[in-house]
């Protein structure tokens, strides 16, 4: 009884260990160094963001302790890359670790390979028998490595952009290439948190599917558009609002996608015993959705020689067939429906909160850039549709107790709406937000 009382009365600070405080000192030291050295180049808002980022980073590292190691590794690797450049980007072709590991493009390519490998090992875990848990663990470690390389690539790309010229340097969240990198590591990082929180790695195979699909698009986009080349910002993007609006927006996109893939796993578990193949709706929808991508890009297939999307379609067919044939084994390894439902709910809650913040910030940015808070631009309209969809989902959950199959179908359908808002608007519509055209 006494032990329980002491535990309940422990303060939050008293539960910090030595590494927590070392991490806090390192973050504070780094922040104050950046402030003292670069304050002259910042405006009032940028200084405010930097100062606020220091306690926020410390809190995140204390809240989820694996982030401490991640932050330190990324910082050390990025600083090594910056030191190795010595102000000359041409050294990326002559310095070994820049050429093969730490330049932004090398790091992002490593991210891509590691995410594909992570997805593969997670899926092997479903069919690996007694070695399934080991395969899942490898998949999880590879996902962490991919997130690390993505962040290193992002930090180094930020530095590289400033070396190209004072009017070119910017935070790398300004075009489709950069935001796809952002989407990949944010989605994976949120999944890894839920993996740790619920003590199950079985959902990694499903969540990494959407991450790998994003990586596949990223590689294609790099191939046909040379999108990895750093370009100056268009005037409307030369704003500190971008540093807030875009990351908040993509936390929403990432967690909504995560919720959809968990919903897909839920539906597979529910229909695992279904013997009538035509009743296995989720799997057929996955196949249709994956096959839609080559159709959507049909006008651009020749630019990539056609082979890329043929390979994509073949791999997609194999994935759908594997899920169809192995659905019972997959369902047996998935966590309880209550866990799936809870992860879905919490993912949508986090995404909705950040998407709301992003929408408000976007309106303020629009007023600053174009003189009006709302213009019914296609991107704005579809952002509102996404917001209303998840607002309705949460309303039904909290007021009417929405659970189970209906909630899962709704969350899965939300992925289609979110994907169109994220990518479809850039493909098929035009407007004030057409910065990342295909």
Foldseek 3Di string as FASTA:
>chain_A
DVVVVVVVPDDLVNPDDPLLVVLLVVLVVVLVVCCVVCVVVDDPVVNVVSVVVSVVLSVVCSVPVVVSVLVVLLVVLLVVLVVQCVLPPVCCVVDVCSVQDQALVNLLVLLLVLLVQLLVLLVCLLVVPPCSVVSLVSSLVSLSSSLSSLSSSQSNVLVVQVSVDVQQRDRQQQALLSVLSVLLNLLSVLVSVLCVVVVASLLVNQSSVVSNVSSLVNVVCCQLPVVVDRDGHDVLPPDPLCVQQRSLLSLLLSLLSSLLSLLLLQLLLVCVVPPPLVVSPSLVVQLVVQLVVCVLCVVCCVSVPVPSSVVSNVVSVVVSVCCSVSSNSSSVRDDDQVSSFVSSVVSLVSSLVSLVVSLQSCLVSCCVRPVGSDDVWVLNVLSVVLNVLSVVLVCCCVPVVDGGNVSSVSSNVSNVSSCCSVPVCLAPHDDPSNPHHD
